[in-house]
Amino acid sequence: MNQETKVRENRVRRALARQMPGCRLVKTRRRDPRAADYGTFRVVNAKGQTPWQFQSSRKLTLDEIEERLHIRDEEDK
C-alpha cells in the first residue's frame, strides 16, 4: 500500500468518525489481488451492522465511501 492510499483511508476514517459517531471503516481481509472484494471496505456500527447509507449488494470502494460521505479532494474545492 502506498502512502497516498493510506492517507486517503485515514481521511475517510476521520470523516466517518465525525459524521457518524459509533461507526467505523473495516477493510476486507482478502489477500488475493484477483479476488472480487480485494481492497474494498465496509462501514459498520458497534453491533457490526451496516448503516442504511452504506448498504449495498457488494462491499464498497474508497471512492464510493468518499462520495457517500461527501468528501472532496483539494482540487475539487
C-alpha atoms as a PDB file:
ATOM      1  CA  MET A   1       0.000   0.000   0.000  1.00  0.00           C
ATOM      2  CA  ASN A   2       1.436   3.342  -0.954  1.00  0.00           C
ATOM      3  CA  GLN A   3       1.471   6.415   1.271  1.00  0.00           C
ATOM      4  CA  GLU A   4      -1.194   8.280  -0.725  1.00  0.00           C
ATOM      5  CA  THR A   5      -3.707   5.437  -0.333  1.00  0.00           C
ATOM      6  CA  LYS A   6      -3.050   5.207   3.406  1.00  0.00           C
ATOM      7  CA  VAL A   7      -3.566   8.972   3.803  1.00  0.00           C
ATOM      8  CA  ARG A   8      -6.859   8.754   1.903  1.00  0.00           C
ATOM      9  CA  GLU A   9      -8.018   5.839   4.010  1.00  0.00           C
ATOM     10  CA  ASN A  10      -7.218   7.708   7.230  1.00  0.00           C
ATOM     11  CA  ARG A  11      -9.028  10.805   5.950  1.00  0.00           C
ATOM     12  CA  VAL A  12     -12.148   8.702   5.313  1.00  0.00           C
ATOM     13  CA  ARG A  13     -11.866   7.128   8.775  1.00  0.00           C
ATOM     14  CA  ARG A  14     -11.733  10.583  10.417  1.00  0.00           C
ATOM     15  CA  ALA A  15     -14.634  11.922   8.336  1.00  0.00           C
ATOM     16  CA  LEU A  16     -16.724   8.876   9.179  1.00  0.00           C
ATOM     17  CA  ALA A  17     -15.997   9.311  12.901  1.00  0.00           C
ATOM     18  CA  ARG A  18     -17.109  12.970  12.682  1.00  0.00           C
ATOM     19  CA  GLN A  19     -20.222  12.419  10.595  1.00  0.00           C
ATOM     20  CA  MET A  20     -21.421   9.115  12.051  1.00  0.00           C
ATOM     21  CA  PRO A  21     -20.151   8.635  15.624  1.00  0.00           C
ATOM     22  CA  GLY A  22     -20.007   4.993  16.609  1.00  0.00           C
ATOM     23  CA  CYS A  23     -19.382   3.768  13.054  1.00  0.00           C
ATOM     24  CA  ARG A  24     -16.048   2.573  11.728  1.00  0.00           C
ATOM     25  CA  LEU A  25     -14.433   1.668   8.442  1.00  0.00           C
ATOM     26  CA  VAL A  26     -13.489  -2.003   8.048  1.00  0.00           C
ATOM     27  CA  LYS A  27     -11.197  -3.197   5.267  1.00  0.00           C
ATOM     28  CA  THR A  28     -11.707  -6.668   3.807  1.00  0.00           C
ATOM     29  CA  ARG A  29      -9.196  -9.270   4.876  1.00  0.00           C
ATOM     30  CA  ARG A  30      -8.664 -10.698   1.398  1.00  0.00           C
ATOM     31  CA  ARG A  31      -5.016 -11.131   0.477  1.00  0.00           C
ATOM     32  CA  ASP A  32      -5.549 -12.329  -3.094  1.00  0.00           C
ATOM     33  CA  PRO A  33      -5.471  -9.361  -5.527  1.00  0.00           C
ATOM     34  CA  ARG A  34      -7.579 -11.349  -8.012  1.00  0.00           C
ATOM     35  CA  ALA A  35     -10.471 -11.760  -5.535  1.00  0.00           C
ATOM     36  CA  ALA A  36     -13.603  -9.759  -6.296  1.00  0.00           C
ATOM     37  CA  ASP A  37     -13.662  -7.995  -2.936  1.00  0.00           C
ATOM     38  CA  TYR A  38      -9.923  -7.367  -2.586  1.00  0.00           C
ATOM     39  CA  GLY A  39      -9.209  -3.816  -1.387  1.00  0.00           C
ATOM     40  CA  THR A  40     -12.825  -2.996  -0.578  1.00  0.00           C
ATOM     41  CA  PHE A  41     -14.384  -1.685   2.621  1.00  0.00           C
ATOM     42  CA  ARG A  42     -17.487  -1.871   4.805  1.00  0.00           C
ATOM     43  CA  VAL A  43     -18.900   0.659   7.231  1.00  0.00           C
ATOM     44  CA  VAL A  44     -20.213  -0.933  10.422  1.00  0.00           C
ATOM     45  CA  ASN A  45     -21.666   0.294  13.696  1.00  0.00           C
ATOM     46  CA  ALA A  46     -20.895  -1.029  17.191  1.00  0.00           C
ATOM     47  CA  LYS A  47     -23.191  -4.034  16.660  1.00  0.00           C
ATOM     48  CA  GLY A  48     -21.465  -4.948  13.387  1.00  0.00           C
ATOM     49  CA  GLN A  49     -24.418  -3.871  11.263  1.00  0.00           C
ATOM     50  CA  THR A  50     -24.141  -1.767   8.129  1.00  0.00           C
ATOM     51  CA  PRO A  51     -25.918   1.618   8.345  1.00  0.00           C
ATOM     52  CA  TRP A  52     -28.575   2.142   5.656  1.00  0.00           C
ATOM     53  CA  GLN A  53     -26.496   4.840   3.903  1.00  0.00           C
ATOM     54  CA  PHE A  54     -23.838   2.258   3.115  1.00  0.00           C
ATOM     55  CA  GLN A  55     -25.931  -0.803   2.339  1.00  0.00           C
ATOM     56  CA  SER A  56     -25.069  -2.361  -0.982  1.00  0.00           C
ATOM     57  CA  SER A  57     -25.142  -5.758  -2.613  1.00  0.00           C
ATOM     58  CA  ARG A  58     -21.334  -5.707  -2.528  1.00  0.00           C
ATOM     59  CA  LYS A  59     -18.569  -4.136  -0.499  1.00  0.00           C
ATOM     60  CA  LEU A  60     -17.665  -0.548  -1.373  1.00  0.00           C
ATOM     61  CA  THR A  61     -14.506   1.040  -2.714  1.00  0.00           C
ATOM     62  CA  LEU A  62     -12.869   4.004  -1.020  1.00  0.00           C
ATOM     63  CA  ASP A  63     -14.182   6.249  -3.826  1.00  0.00           C
ATOM     64  CA  GLU A  64     -17.769   5.156  -3.190  1.00  0.00           C
ATOM     65  CA  ILE A  65     -17.474   5.755   0.553  1.00  0.00           C
ATOM     66  CA  GLU A  66     -15.958   9.199  -0.045  1.00  0.00           C
ATOM     67  CA  GLU A  67     -18.859  10.010  -2.357  1.00  0.00           C
ATOM     68  CA  ARG A  68     -21.457   8.942   0.213  1.00  0.00           C
ATOM     69  CA  LEU A  69     -19.710  10.964   2.935  1.00  0.00           C
ATOM     70  CA  HIS A  70     -19.427  13.944   0.558  1.00  0.00           C
ATOM     71  CA  ILE A  71     -15.650  14.197   0.893  1.00  0.00           C
ATOM     72  CA  ARG A  72     -13.922  16.206  -1.834  1.00  0.00           C
ATOM     73  CA  ASP A  73     -10.295  16.309  -2.853  1.00  0.00           C
ATOM     74  CA  GLU A  74      -8.343  19.538  -2.567  1.00  0.00           C
ATOM     75  CA  GLU A  75      -8.679  20.111  -6.338  1.00  0.00           C
ATOM     76  CA  ASP A  76     -12.485  19.962  -6.167  1.00  0.00           C
ATOM     77  CA  LYS A  77     -12.792  22.819  -3.663  1.00  0.00           C
END
